């Protein structure tokens, strides 16, 4: 991605970005701090917020953008346009990853909800038992067993989000995670739970 006619940066800034990127490649932390101060606001406002629409998610993606940039700085080649276009690509890709993870998480939660309704539906003549179990807040025996077999972190994430019906933000806070990280965690947790529920009795882990 080269500099375009709509590029908001001056030629002087692009030159400065080149100087800072070379210093950053040598491990200069001050150079990274200046790059962040110089470019983070534009990345947040121009790239991340339009794609994510959520300040918390955009902040998470911005942090991830610079983390990835630090890890991959040796692959950056300055062609006279500064480092901003390269950071834009990283930010765009990270935003798309978070967007897909969020959409997939919501779909998995909906699928889990439908499965739970089907699994706990009352049978004829058992209405009283069903209502008593529902009032006590018990999960079905099959689901309970599958949850007990999960990694404790996965189990806690599912219980917070689905059983206690907390918001994604509240779950992330309870687990001391960033929102984007929680979205990834709950997705993995739901996949693990689905695998557990799909196993027959007597089957062990692969």
N, C-alpha and C. Protein backbone atom coordinates (compact mmCIF):
# COMPACT_ATOMS: atom_id res chain seq x y z
N UNK A 1 0.86 -1.20 0.00
CA UNK A 1 0.00 0.00 0.00
C UNK A 1 0.88 1.23 0.00
N UNK A 2 0.86 1.99 -1.05
CA UNK A 2 1.68 3.18 -1.14
C UNK A 2 0.94 4.40 -0.68
N UNK A 3 1.63 5.51 -0.65
CA UNK A 3 1.00 6.76 -0.27
C UNK A 3 0.12 7.21 -1.42
N UNK A 4 -1.08 7.69 -1.15
CA UNK A 4 -2.02 8.10 -2.17
C UNK A 4 -2.20 9.60 -2.14
N UNK A 5 -3.02 10.09 -3.12
CA UNK A 5 -3.26 11.53 -3.18
C UNK A 5 -4.07 12.01 -2.00
N UNK A 6 -4.73 11.06 -1.30
CA UNK A 6 -5.53 11.43 -0.13
C UNK A 6 -4.76 11.24 1.17
N UNK A 7 -3.50 10.92 1.07
CA UNK A 7 -2.68 10.69 2.26
C UNK A 7 -2.65 11.97 3.08
N UNK A 8 -3.01 11.85 4.33
CA UNK A 8 -3.08 13.01 5.22
C UNK A 8 -1.72 13.45 5.75
N UNK A 9 -0.70 12.61 5.53
CA UNK A 9 0.62 12.92 6.10
C UNK A 9 1.44 13.81 5.17
N UNK A 10 2.25 14.62 5.78
CA UNK A 10 3.16 15.46 5.01
C UNK A 10 4.39 14.65 4.60
N UNK A 11 5.13 15.16 3.63
CA UNK A 11 6.37 14.50 3.23
C UNK A 11 7.34 14.45 4.39
N UNK A 12 7.37 15.52 5.19
CA UNK A 12 8.26 15.54 6.35
C UNK A 12 7.92 14.43 7.33
N UNK A 13 6.62 14.17 7.52
CA UNK A 13 6.24 13.11 8.45
C UNK A 13 6.65 11.74 7.92
N UNK A 14 6.49 11.53 6.62
CA UNK A 14 6.87 10.24 6.05
C UNK A 14 8.37 10.01 6.20
N UNK A 15 9.13 11.07 6.03
CA UNK A 15 10.58 10.96 6.23
C UNK A 15 10.89 10.63 7.68
N UNK A 16 10.17 11.30 8.59
CA UNK A 16 10.39 11.04 10.02
C UNK A 16 10.01 9.61 10.37
N UNK A 17 8.94 9.11 9.78
CA UNK A 17 8.55 7.73 10.02
C UNK A 17 9.66 6.77 9.59
N UNK A 18 10.29 7.08 8.45
CA UNK A 18 11.38 6.24 7.99
C UNK A 18 12.54 6.22 8.97
N UNK A 19 12.86 7.40 9.50
CA UNK A 19 13.94 7.48 10.49
C UNK A 19 13.59 6.68 11.74
N UNK A 20 12.35 6.84 12.19
CA UNK A 20 11.93 6.14 13.41
C UNK A 20 11.86 4.63 13.20
N UNK A 21 11.40 4.22 12.02
CA UNK A 21 11.30 2.78 11.77
C UNK A 21 12.68 2.13 11.74
N UNK A 22 13.67 2.83 11.22
CA UNK A 22 15.02 2.28 11.23
C UNK A 22 15.56 2.18 12.65
N UNK A 23 15.26 3.20 13.45
CA UNK A 23 15.67 3.14 14.86
C UNK A 23 14.93 2.03 15.60
N UNK A 24 13.64 1.85 15.28
CA UNK A 24 12.85 0.80 15.92
C UNK A 24 13.39 -0.57 15.59
N UNK A 25 13.84 -0.74 14.36
CA UNK A 25 14.41 -2.02 13.95
C UNK A 25 15.66 -2.35 14.75
N UNK A 26 16.36 -1.31 15.17
CA UNK A 26 17.56 -1.52 16.00
C UNK A 26 17.21 -1.74 17.47
N UNK A 27 15.91 -1.74 17.79
CA UNK A 27 15.47 -2.00 19.16
C UNK A 27 15.32 -0.76 20.02
N UNK A 28 15.23 0.38 19.40
CA UNK A 28 15.11 1.64 20.12
C UNK A 28 13.67 1.81 20.62
N UNK A 29 13.48 1.72 21.92
CA UNK A 29 12.13 1.81 22.49
C UNK A 29 11.54 3.22 22.35
N UNK A 30 12.37 4.22 22.43
CA UNK A 30 11.87 5.59 22.29
C UNK A 30 11.30 5.80 20.89
N UNK A 31 11.90 5.15 19.90
CA UNK A 31 11.39 5.26 18.53
C UNK A 31 9.99 4.67 18.44
N UNK A 32 9.79 3.52 19.09
CA UNK A 32 8.46 2.92 19.09
C UNK A 32 7.46 3.81 19.81
N UNK A 33 7.89 4.42 20.91
CA UNK A 33 6.99 5.31 21.64
C UNK A 33 6.58 6.50 20.79
N UNK A 34 7.52 7.04 20.02
CA UNK A 34 7.20 8.18 19.17
C UNK A 34 6.32 7.76 18.00
N UNK A 35 6.57 6.57 17.45
CA UNK A 35 5.71 6.07 16.38
C UNK A 35 4.28 5.88 16.86
N UNK A 36 4.16 5.38 18.09
CA UNK A 36 2.82 5.18 18.65
C UNK A 36 2.11 6.52 18.81
N UNK A 37 2.82 7.47 19.38
CA UNK A 37 2.22 8.79 19.59
C UNK A 37 1.85 9.45 18.27
N UNK A 38 2.66 9.21 17.26
CA UNK A 38 2.48 9.86 15.97
C UNK A 38 1.34 9.23 15.16
N UNK A 39 1.20 7.89 15.24
CA UNK A 39 0.32 7.17 14.31
C UNK A 39 -0.87 6.47 14.95
N UNK A 40 -0.81 6.20 16.25
CA UNK A 40 -1.91 5.46 16.88
C UNK A 40 -3.25 6.16 16.74
N UNK A 41 -3.34 7.48 16.93
CA UNK A 41 -4.65 8.13 16.79
C UNK A 41 -5.28 7.94 15.41
N UNK A 42 -4.45 8.03 14.36
CA UNK A 42 -4.98 7.86 13.00
C UNK A 42 -5.39 6.42 12.74
N UNK A 43 -4.60 5.47 13.23
CA UNK A 43 -4.96 4.06 13.06
C UNK A 43 -6.29 3.76 13.75
N UNK A 44 -6.44 4.29 14.94
CA UNK A 44 -7.67 4.07 15.71
C UNK A 44 -8.86 4.70 14.99
N UNK A 45 -8.71 5.94 14.57
CA UNK A 45 -9.83 6.70 14.01
C UNK A 45 -10.14 6.31 12.56
N UNK A 46 -9.12 6.09 11.74
CA UNK A 46 -9.31 5.89 10.32
C UNK A 46 -9.44 4.42 9.91
N UNK A 47 -8.84 3.52 10.68
CA UNK A 47 -8.81 2.11 10.28
C UNK A 47 -9.68 1.23 11.18
N UNK A 48 -9.48 1.34 12.48
CA UNK A 48 -10.08 0.38 13.40
C UNK A 48 -11.53 0.67 13.76
N UNK A 49 -11.83 1.91 14.15
CA UNK A 49 -13.21 2.23 14.52
C UNK A 49 -14.20 2.03 13.37
N UNK A 50 -13.86 2.43 12.13
CA UNK A 50 -14.81 2.19 11.05
C UNK A 50 -15.11 0.72 10.82
N UNK A 51 -14.18 -0.16 11.14
CA UNK A 51 -14.37 -1.59 10.90
C UNK A 51 -14.96 -2.32 12.10
N UNK A 52 -14.66 -1.86 13.30
CA UNK A 52 -15.11 -2.56 14.49
C UNK A 52 -16.30 -1.88 15.16
N UNK A 53 -16.33 -0.55 15.12
CA UNK A 53 -17.46 0.18 15.68
C UNK A 53 -17.58 0.14 17.17
N UNK A 54 -16.59 -0.39 17.86
CA UNK A 54 -16.63 -0.52 19.32
C UNK A 54 -15.31 0.01 19.88
N UNK A 55 -15.34 1.03 20.74
CA UNK A 55 -14.09 1.60 21.25
C UNK A 55 -13.18 0.59 21.95
N UNK A 56 -13.78 -0.29 22.76
CA UNK A 56 -12.97 -1.28 23.46
C UNK A 56 -12.29 -2.23 22.51
N UNK A 57 -13.03 -2.72 21.52
CA UNK A 57 -12.45 -3.63 20.54
C UNK A 57 -11.38 -2.93 19.71
N UNK A 58 -11.63 -1.66 19.36
CA UNK A 58 -10.65 -0.90 18.59
C UNK A 58 -9.37 -0.68 19.39
N UNK A 59 -9.50 -0.42 20.67
CA UNK A 59 -8.32 -0.25 21.52
C UNK A 59 -7.53 -1.55 21.61
N UNK A 60 -8.24 -2.68 21.76
CA UNK A 60 -7.57 -3.98 21.79
C UNK A 60 -6.82 -4.22 20.48
N UNK A 61 -7.48 -3.93 19.37
CA UNK A 61 -6.87 -4.15 18.07
C UNK A 61 -5.66 -3.23 17.85
N UNK A 62 -5.74 -2.01 18.37
CA UNK A 62 -4.61 -1.08 18.25
C UNK A 62 -3.40 -1.62 19.00
N UNK A 63 -3.63 -2.10 20.21
CA UNK A 63 -2.53 -2.68 20.99
C UNK A 63 -1.93 -3.88 20.27
N UNK A 64 -2.80 -4.72 19.71
CA UNK A 64 -2.33 -5.89 18.98
C UNK A 64 -1.56 -5.48 17.72
N UNK A 65 -1.99 -4.42 17.08
CA UNK A 65 -1.31 -3.94 15.88
C UNK A 65 0.15 -3.61 16.18
N UNK A 66 0.38 -2.88 17.26
CA UNK A 66 1.76 -2.51 17.59
C UNK A 66 2.54 -3.70 18.14
N UNK A 67 1.88 -4.61 18.83
CA UNK A 67 2.58 -5.82 19.28
C UNK A 67 3.08 -6.61 18.09
N UNK A 68 2.22 -6.80 17.10
CA UNK A 68 2.60 -7.54 15.90
C UNK A 68 3.69 -6.79 15.13
N UNK A 69 3.56 -5.47 15.06
CA UNK A 69 4.56 -4.67 14.35
C UNK A 69 5.94 -4.82 14.98
N UNK A 70 5.98 -4.81 16.31
CA UNK A 70 7.26 -4.97 17.00
C UNK A 70 7.87 -6.33 16.68
N UNK A 71 7.02 -7.36 16.65
CA UNK A 71 7.50 -8.71 16.37
C UNK A 71 7.99 -8.85 14.93
N UNK A 72 7.38 -8.10 14.00
CA UNK A 72 7.67 -8.30 12.58
C UNK A 72 8.42 -7.15 11.94
N UNK A 73 9.00 -6.27 12.73
CA UNK A 73 9.63 -5.07 12.20
C UNK A 73 10.74 -5.41 11.20
N UNK A 74 11.39 -6.55 11.36
CA UNK A 74 12.46 -6.92 10.45
C UNK A 74 11.95 -7.17 9.03
N UNK A 75 10.65 -7.41 8.89
CA UNK A 75 10.09 -7.66 7.56
C UNK A 75 9.65 -6.37 6.87
N UNK A 76 9.68 -5.26 7.58
CA UNK A 76 9.25 -3.98 7.00
C UNK A 76 10.33 -3.42 6.09
N UNK A 77 9.92 -3.01 4.90
CA UNK A 77 10.82 -2.37 3.95
C UNK A 77 10.28 -0.99 3.61
N UNK A 78 11.00 0.02 3.96
CA UNK A 78 10.57 1.39 3.71
C UNK A 78 10.82 1.74 2.24
N UNK A 79 9.75 2.07 1.51
CA UNK A 79 9.87 2.43 0.11
C UNK A 79 9.61 3.93 -0.10
N UNK A 80 9.86 4.68 0.97
CA UNK A 80 9.69 6.12 0.88
C UNK A 80 8.33 6.62 1.30
N UNK A 81 7.46 5.71 1.73
CA UNK A 81 6.11 6.08 2.14
C UNK A 81 5.94 6.08 3.66
N UNK A 82 7.01 5.81 4.40
CA UNK A 82 6.88 5.73 5.84
C UNK A 82 6.31 4.39 6.27
N UNK A 83 6.13 4.22 7.58
CA UNK A 83 5.67 2.95 8.12
C UNK A 83 4.15 2.89 8.27
N UNK A 84 3.48 4.01 8.12
CA UNK A 84 2.03 4.05 8.33
C UNK A 84 1.25 3.08 7.44
N UNK A 85 1.51 3.00 6.12
CA UNK A 85 0.77 2.05 5.30
C UNK A 85 0.93 0.60 5.75
N UNK A 86 2.12 0.25 6.19
CA UNK A 86 2.39 -1.10 6.70
C UNK A 86 1.58 -1.35 7.97
N UNK A 87 1.56 -0.38 8.87
CA UNK A 87 0.75 -0.51 10.09
C UNK A 87 -0.74 -0.59 9.76
N UNK A 88 -1.16 0.12 8.72
CA UNK A 88 -2.57 0.06 8.30
C UNK A 88 -2.96 -1.35 7.90
N UNK A 89 -2.09 -2.03 7.16
CA UNK A 89 -2.39 -3.40 6.75
C UNK A 89 -2.51 -4.31 7.96
N UNK A 90 -1.59 -4.16 8.91
CA UNK A 90 -1.65 -4.98 10.12
C UNK A 90 -2.95 -4.70 10.87
N UNK A 91 -3.27 -3.42 11.04
CA UNK A 91 -4.49 -3.04 11.77
C UNK A 91 -5.74 -3.57 11.07
N UNK A 92 -5.77 -3.45 9.76
CA UNK A 92 -6.92 -3.95 8.99
C UNK A 92 -7.09 -5.45 9.19
N UNK A 93 -6.00 -6.20 9.08
CA UNK A 93 -6.08 -7.65 9.25
C UNK A 93 -6.51 -8.02 10.66
N UNK A 94 -6.00 -7.28 11.65
CA UNK A 94 -6.37 -7.58 13.03
C UNK A 94 -7.84 -7.27 13.26
N UNK A 95 -8.32 -6.18 12.70
CA UNK A 95 -9.73 -5.83 12.84
C UNK A 95 -10.63 -6.89 12.22
N UNK A 96 -10.24 -7.40 11.05
CA UNK A 96 -11.02 -8.45 10.41
C UNK A 96 -11.01 -9.73 11.23
N UNK A 97 -9.86 -10.05 11.84
CA UNK A 97 -9.78 -11.24 12.70
C UNK A 97 -10.73 -11.11 13.89
N UNK A 98 -10.73 -9.95 14.53
CA UNK A 98 -11.60 -9.73 15.68
C UNK A 98 -13.06 -9.74 15.27
N UNK A 99 -13.35 -9.16 14.12
CA UNK A 99 -14.73 -9.13 13.64
C UNK A 99 -15.23 -10.54 13.38
N UNK A 100 -14.40 -11.37 12.75
CA UNK A 100 -14.80 -12.76 12.48
C UNK A 100 -14.95 -13.53 13.78
N UNK A 101 -14.03 -13.31 14.73
CA UNK A 101 -14.12 -14.02 16.00
C UNK A 101 -15.39 -13.65 16.75
N UNK A 102 -15.74 -12.36 16.72
CA UNK A 102 -16.95 -11.90 17.40
C UNK A 102 -18.20 -12.50 16.75
N UNK A 103 -18.23 -12.51 15.41
CA UNK A 103 -19.39 -13.07 14.71
C UNK A 103 -19.51 -14.56 14.96
N UNK A 104 -18.38 -15.25 14.95
CA UNK A 104 -18.41 -16.69 15.18
C UNK A 104 -18.83 -17.00 16.60
N UNK A 105 -18.36 -16.19 17.55
CA UNK A 105 -18.74 -16.39 18.94
C UNK A 105 -20.24 -16.24 19.12
N UNK A 106 -20.82 -15.20 18.52
CA UNK A 106 -22.25 -15.00 18.64
C UNK A 106 -23.03 -16.16 18.03
N UNK A 107 -22.54 -16.69 16.91
CA UNK A 107 -23.21 -17.83 16.27
C UNK A 107 -23.10 -19.07 17.15
N UNK A 108 -21.93 -19.28 17.75
CA UNK A 108 -21.76 -20.45 18.62
C UNK A 108 -22.64 -20.35 19.86
N UNK A 109 -22.77 -19.14 20.40
CA UNK A 109 -23.64 -18.95 21.55
C UNK A 109 -25.09 -19.25 21.19
N UNK A 110 -25.51 -18.83 20.01
CA UNK A 110 -26.87 -19.12 19.57
C UNK A 110 -27.06 -20.62 19.39
N UNK A 111 -26.07 -21.28 18.80
CA UNK A 111 -26.16 -22.73 18.62
C UNK A 111 -26.23 -23.44 19.97
N UNK A 112 -25.43 -22.97 20.94
CA UNK A 112 -25.44 -23.58 22.25
C UNK A 112 -26.79 -23.38 22.93
N UNK A 113 -27.35 -22.19 22.78
CA UNK A 113 -28.65 -21.90 23.35
C UNK A 113 -29.71 -22.85 22.81
N UNK A 114 -29.71 -23.05 21.49
CA UNK A 114 -30.69 -23.95 20.88
C UNK A 114 -30.49 -25.38 21.37
N UNK A 115 -29.21 -25.78 21.49
CA UNK A 115 -28.95 -27.14 21.97
C UNK A 115 -29.42 -27.34 23.39
N UNK A 116 -29.23 -26.32 24.24
CA UNK A 116 -29.65 -26.42 25.62
C UNK A 116 -31.17 -26.52 25.73
N UNK A 117 -31.88 -25.74 24.91
CA UNK A 117 -33.34 -25.79 24.94
C UNK A 117 -33.82 -27.19 24.57
N UNK A 118 -33.21 -27.77 23.51
CA UNK A 118 -33.62 -29.10 23.09
C UNK A 118 -33.27 -30.14 24.13
N UNK A 119 -32.10 -29.98 24.76
CA UNK A 119 -31.63 -30.97 25.72
C UNK A 119 -32.45 -30.95 27.00
N UNK A 120 -32.98 -29.78 27.39
CA UNK A 120 -33.68 -29.66 28.66
C UNK A 120 -35.20 -29.60 28.49
N UNK A 121 -35.71 -29.85 27.27
CA UNK A 121 -37.15 -29.78 27.05
C UNK A 121 -37.86 -30.82 27.89
N UNK A 122 -38.96 -30.49 28.57
CA UNK A 122 -39.66 -31.45 29.43
C UNK A 122 -40.37 -32.53 28.63
N UNK A 123 -40.40 -33.73 29.16
CA UNK A 123 -41.14 -34.81 28.54
C UNK A 123 -42.51 -34.89 29.19
N UNK A 124 -43.43 -35.57 28.53
CA UNK A 124 -44.79 -35.67 29.05
C UNK A 124 -44.78 -36.28 30.44
N UNK A 125 -45.50 -35.67 31.38
CA UNK A 125 -45.59 -36.19 32.74
C UNK A 125 -44.44 -35.79 33.63
N UNK A 126 -43.50 -35.00 33.11
CA UNK A 126 -42.32 -34.63 33.92
C UNK A 126 -42.22 -33.13 34.09
N UNK A 127 -43.31 -32.40 33.91
CA UNK A 127 -43.28 -30.95 34.00
C UNK A 127 -42.81 -30.46 35.36
N UNK A 128 -43.32 -31.07 36.44
CA UNK A 128 -42.95 -30.63 37.78
C UNK A 128 -41.45 -30.80 38.02
N UNK A 129 -40.91 -31.93 37.59
CA UNK A 129 -39.48 -32.16 37.77
C UNK A 129 -38.66 -31.15 36.98
N UNK A 130 -39.09 -30.88 35.78
CA UNK A 130 -38.39 -29.92 34.93
C UNK A 130 -38.38 -28.53 35.57
N UNK A 131 -39.52 -28.09 36.05
CA UNK A 131 -39.61 -26.77 36.66
C UNK A 131 -38.77 -26.68 37.92
N UNK A 132 -38.75 -27.75 38.69
CA UNK A 132 -37.95 -27.74 39.92
C UNK A 132 -36.47 -27.61 39.59
N UNK A 133 -36.05 -28.35 38.58
CA UNK A 133 -34.63 -28.28 38.20
C UNK A 133 -34.30 -26.90 37.65
N UNK A 134 -35.21 -26.33 36.90
CA UNK A 134 -34.96 -25.01 36.34
C UNK A 134 -34.85 -23.97 37.43
N UNK A 135 -35.72 -24.04 38.44
CA UNK A 135 -35.68 -23.09 39.54
C UNK A 135 -34.39 -23.22 40.33
N UNK A 136 -33.89 -24.40 40.46
CA UNK A 136 -32.65 -24.61 41.21
C UNK A 136 -31.41 -24.22 40.40
N UNK A 137 -31.62 -23.90 39.15
CA UNK A 137 -30.51 -23.45 38.31
C UNK A 137 -29.57 -24.55 37.91
N UNK A 138 -30.04 -25.80 37.90
CA UNK A 138 -29.17 -26.91 37.54
C UNK A 138 -29.10 -27.08 36.03
N UNK A 139 -27.95 -27.44 35.55
CA UNK A 139 -27.80 -27.78 34.15
C UNK A 139 -28.18 -29.23 33.94
N UNK A 140 -28.44 -29.60 32.73
CA UNK A 140 -28.73 -31.00 32.44
C UNK A 140 -27.53 -31.85 32.82
N UNK A 141 -27.79 -33.12 33.16
CA UNK A 141 -26.71 -34.01 33.58
C UNK A 141 -25.63 -34.12 32.50
N UNK A 142 -26.06 -34.21 31.27
CA UNK A 142 -25.10 -34.36 30.17
C UNK A 142 -24.24 -33.12 30.02
N UNK A 143 -24.86 -31.96 30.05
CA UNK A 143 -24.11 -30.72 29.92
C UNK A 143 -23.21 -30.50 31.12
N UNK A 144 -23.74 -30.82 32.30
CA UNK A 144 -22.96 -30.64 33.52
C UNK A 144 -21.69 -31.47 33.46
N UNK A 145 -21.85 -32.72 33.01
CA UNK A 145 -20.67 -33.58 32.90
C UNK A 145 -19.66 -33.06 31.90
N UNK A 146 -20.17 -32.53 30.78
CA UNK A 146 -19.27 -31.99 29.76
C UNK A 146 -18.54 -30.76 30.28
N UNK A 147 -19.25 -29.91 31.01
CA UNK A 147 -18.62 -28.72 31.57
C UNK A 147 -17.55 -29.09 32.60
N UNK A 148 -17.86 -30.08 33.45
CA UNK A 148 -16.90 -30.49 34.48
C UNK A 148 -15.61 -31.02 33.87
N UNK A 149 -15.69 -31.55 32.66
CA UNK A 149 -14.51 -32.13 32.02
C UNK A 149 -13.67 -31.10 31.27
N UNK A 150 -14.19 -29.87 31.17
CA UNK A 150 -13.46 -28.83 30.44
C UNK A 150 -12.31 -28.26 31.24
N UNK A 151 -11.40 -27.64 30.53
CA UNK A 151 -10.38 -26.80 31.15
C UNK A 151 -11.09 -25.78 32.05
N UNK A 152 -10.62 -25.58 33.30
CA UNK A 152 -11.31 -24.67 34.22
C UNK A 152 -11.53 -23.27 33.65
N UNK A 153 -10.59 -22.78 32.86
CA UNK A 153 -10.73 -21.45 32.27
C UNK A 153 -11.88 -21.42 31.27
N UNK A 154 -11.98 -22.48 30.47
CA UNK A 154 -13.08 -22.58 29.52
C UNK A 154 -14.41 -22.67 30.25
N UNK A 155 -14.46 -23.50 31.28
CA UNK A 155 -15.71 -23.69 32.03
C UNK A 155 -16.17 -22.37 32.65
N UNK A 156 -15.23 -21.64 33.23
CA UNK A 156 -15.60 -20.37 33.86
C UNK A 156 -16.13 -19.37 32.84
N UNK A 157 -15.51 -19.34 31.67
CA UNK A 157 -15.96 -18.42 30.62
C UNK A 157 -17.39 -18.73 30.19
N UNK A 158 -17.70 -20.01 30.00
CA UNK A 158 -19.05 -20.41 29.58
C UNK A 158 -20.06 -20.12 30.67
N UNK A 159 -19.72 -20.42 31.91
CA UNK A 159 -20.66 -20.17 33.01
C UNK A 159 -20.96 -18.68 33.16
N UNK A 160 -19.93 -17.86 33.06
CA UNK A 160 -20.13 -16.42 33.17
C UNK A 160 -21.02 -15.89 32.04
N UNK A 161 -20.71 -16.32 30.83
CA UNK A 161 -21.39 -15.76 29.66
C UNK A 161 -22.79 -16.34 29.47
N UNK A 162 -22.93 -17.66 29.61
CA UNK A 162 -24.19 -18.29 29.27
C UNK A 162 -25.10 -18.51 30.48
N UNK A 163 -24.55 -19.06 31.57
CA UNK A 163 -25.38 -19.38 32.73
C UNK A 163 -25.72 -18.12 33.51
N UNK A 164 -24.70 -17.30 33.81
CA UNK A 164 -24.95 -16.07 34.55
C UNK A 164 -25.41 -14.93 33.64
N UNK A 165 -25.33 -15.16 32.34
CA UNK A 165 -25.80 -14.21 31.33
C UNK A 165 -25.18 -12.82 31.50
N UNK A 166 -23.89 -12.81 31.78
CA UNK A 166 -23.18 -11.54 31.85
C UNK A 166 -22.82 -11.06 30.45
N UNK A 167 -22.61 -9.77 30.30
CA UNK A 167 -22.21 -9.22 29.02
C UNK A 167 -20.77 -9.64 28.72
N UNK A 168 -20.38 -9.51 27.45
CA UNK A 168 -19.02 -9.83 27.08
C UNK A 168 -18.04 -8.96 27.86
N UNK A 169 -18.38 -7.70 28.05
CA UNK A 169 -17.51 -6.79 28.77
C UNK A 169 -17.35 -7.21 30.23
N UNK A 170 -18.46 -7.63 30.85
CA UNK A 170 -18.40 -8.07 32.25
C UNK A 170 -17.60 -9.36 32.39
N UNK A 171 -17.75 -10.26 31.43
CA UNK A 171 -16.98 -11.50 31.47
C UNK A 171 -15.48 -11.22 31.34
N UNK A 172 -15.13 -10.35 30.41
CA UNK A 172 -13.73 -10.01 30.22
C UNK A 172 -13.15 -9.39 31.49
N UNK A 173 -13.92 -8.54 32.14
CA UNK A 173 -13.47 -7.91 33.38
C UNK A 173 -13.28 -8.94 34.48
N UNK A 174 -14.24 -9.87 34.61
CA UNK A 174 -14.16 -10.89 35.65
C UNK A 174 -12.95 -11.80 35.45
N UNK A 175 -12.60 -12.06 34.20
CA UNK A 175 -11.48 -12.94 33.90
C UNK A 175 -10.17 -12.18 33.72
N UNK A 176 -10.24 -10.83 33.89
CA UNK A 176 -9.06 -9.98 33.76
C UNK A 176 -8.44 -10.12 32.37
N UNK A 177 -9.32 -10.05 31.37
CA UNK A 177 -8.89 -10.15 29.98
C UNK A 177 -9.36 -8.93 29.21
N UNK A 178 -8.70 -8.66 28.10
CA UNK A 178 -9.23 -7.68 27.17
C UNK A 178 -10.41 -8.29 26.43
N UNK A 179 -11.28 -7.44 25.93
CA UNK A 179 -12.51 -7.91 25.30
C UNK A 179 -12.22 -8.83 24.11
N UNK A 180 -11.28 -8.43 23.27
CA UNK A 180 -10.94 -9.26 22.12
C UNK A 180 -10.40 -10.62 22.52
N UNK A 181 -9.60 -10.65 23.59
CA UNK A 181 -9.05 -11.91 24.08
C UNK A 181 -10.16 -12.80 24.63
N UNK A 182 -11.14 -12.19 25.31
CA UNK A 182 -12.26 -12.99 25.81
C UNK A 182 -13.05 -13.59 24.66
N UNK A 183 -13.26 -12.84 23.58
CA UNK A 183 -14.00 -13.37 22.43
C UNK A 183 -13.32 -14.63 21.89
N UNK A 184 -12.00 -14.60 21.83
CA UNK A 184 -11.26 -15.78 21.36
C UNK A 184 -11.41 -16.92 22.37
N UNK A 185 -11.31 -16.60 23.66
CA UNK A 185 -11.41 -17.63 24.70
C UNK A 185 -12.77 -18.31 24.69
N UNK A 186 -13.86 -17.55 24.61
CA UNK A 186 -15.18 -18.16 24.64
C UNK A 186 -15.43 -19.00 23.41
N UNK A 187 -14.87 -18.58 22.27
CA UNK A 187 -15.01 -19.37 21.05
C UNK A 187 -14.33 -20.72 21.21
N UNK A 188 -13.13 -20.71 21.75
CA UNK A 188 -12.42 -21.97 21.96
C UNK A 188 -13.13 -22.83 23.00
N UNK A 189 -13.68 -22.18 24.02
CA UNK A 189 -14.40 -22.92 25.06
C UNK A 189 -15.63 -23.61 24.49
N UNK A 190 -16.36 -22.90 23.64
CA UNK A 190 -17.57 -23.48 23.04
C UNK A 190 -17.22 -24.62 22.10
N UNK A 191 -16.13 -24.49 21.39
CA UNK A 191 -15.70 -25.59 20.52
C UNK A 191 -15.34 -26.82 21.35
N UNK A 192 -14.64 -26.59 22.46
CA UNK A 192 -14.28 -27.71 23.33
C UNK A 192 -15.52 -28.36 23.92
N UNK A 193 -16.50 -27.55 24.33
CA UNK A 193 -17.74 -28.08 24.88
C UNK A 193 -18.50 -28.88 23.83
N UNK A 194 -18.54 -28.37 22.60
CA UNK A 194 -19.23 -29.08 21.53
C UNK A 194 -18.60 -30.44 21.29
N UNK A 195 -17.26 -30.49 21.35
CA UNK A 195 -16.59 -31.79 21.17
C UNK A 195 -16.97 -32.74 22.30
N UNK A 196 -17.01 -32.22 23.52
CA UNK A 196 -17.39 -33.05 24.67
C UNK A 196 -18.81 -33.59 24.53
N UNK A 197 -19.72 -32.72 24.15
CA UNK A 197 -21.12 -33.13 24.02
C UNK A 197 -21.31 -34.12 22.88
N UNK A 198 -20.41 -34.06 21.91
CA UNK A 198 -20.53 -34.96 20.76
C UNK A 198 -19.97 -36.34 21.02
N UNK A 199 -19.28 -36.52 22.15
CA UNK A 199 -18.71 -37.83 22.46
C UNK A 199 -19.76 -38.74 23.08
N UNK A 200 -19.65 -40.00 22.81
CA UNK A 200 -20.53 -40.98 23.42
C UNK A 200 -19.93 -41.45 24.72
N UNK A 201 -20.75 -42.03 25.56
CA UNK A 201 -20.27 -42.51 26.84
C UNK A 201 -19.20 -43.57 26.62
N UNK A 202 -18.15 -43.47 27.39
CA UNK A 202 -17.07 -44.42 27.30
C UNK A 202 -15.95 -44.00 26.37
N UNK A 203 -16.19 -42.96 25.55
CA UNK A 203 -15.16 -42.47 24.67
C UNK A 203 -14.22 -41.55 25.44
N UNK A 204 -12.96 -41.67 25.18
CA UNK A 204 -12.00 -40.80 25.83
C UNK A 204 -11.54 -39.72 24.90
N UNK A 205 -10.65 -38.87 25.41
CA UNK A 205 -10.09 -37.83 24.58
C UNK A 205 -9.20 -38.44 23.51
N UNK A 206 -9.17 -37.76 22.38
CA UNK A 206 -8.29 -38.23 21.32
C UNK A 206 -6.86 -37.95 21.67
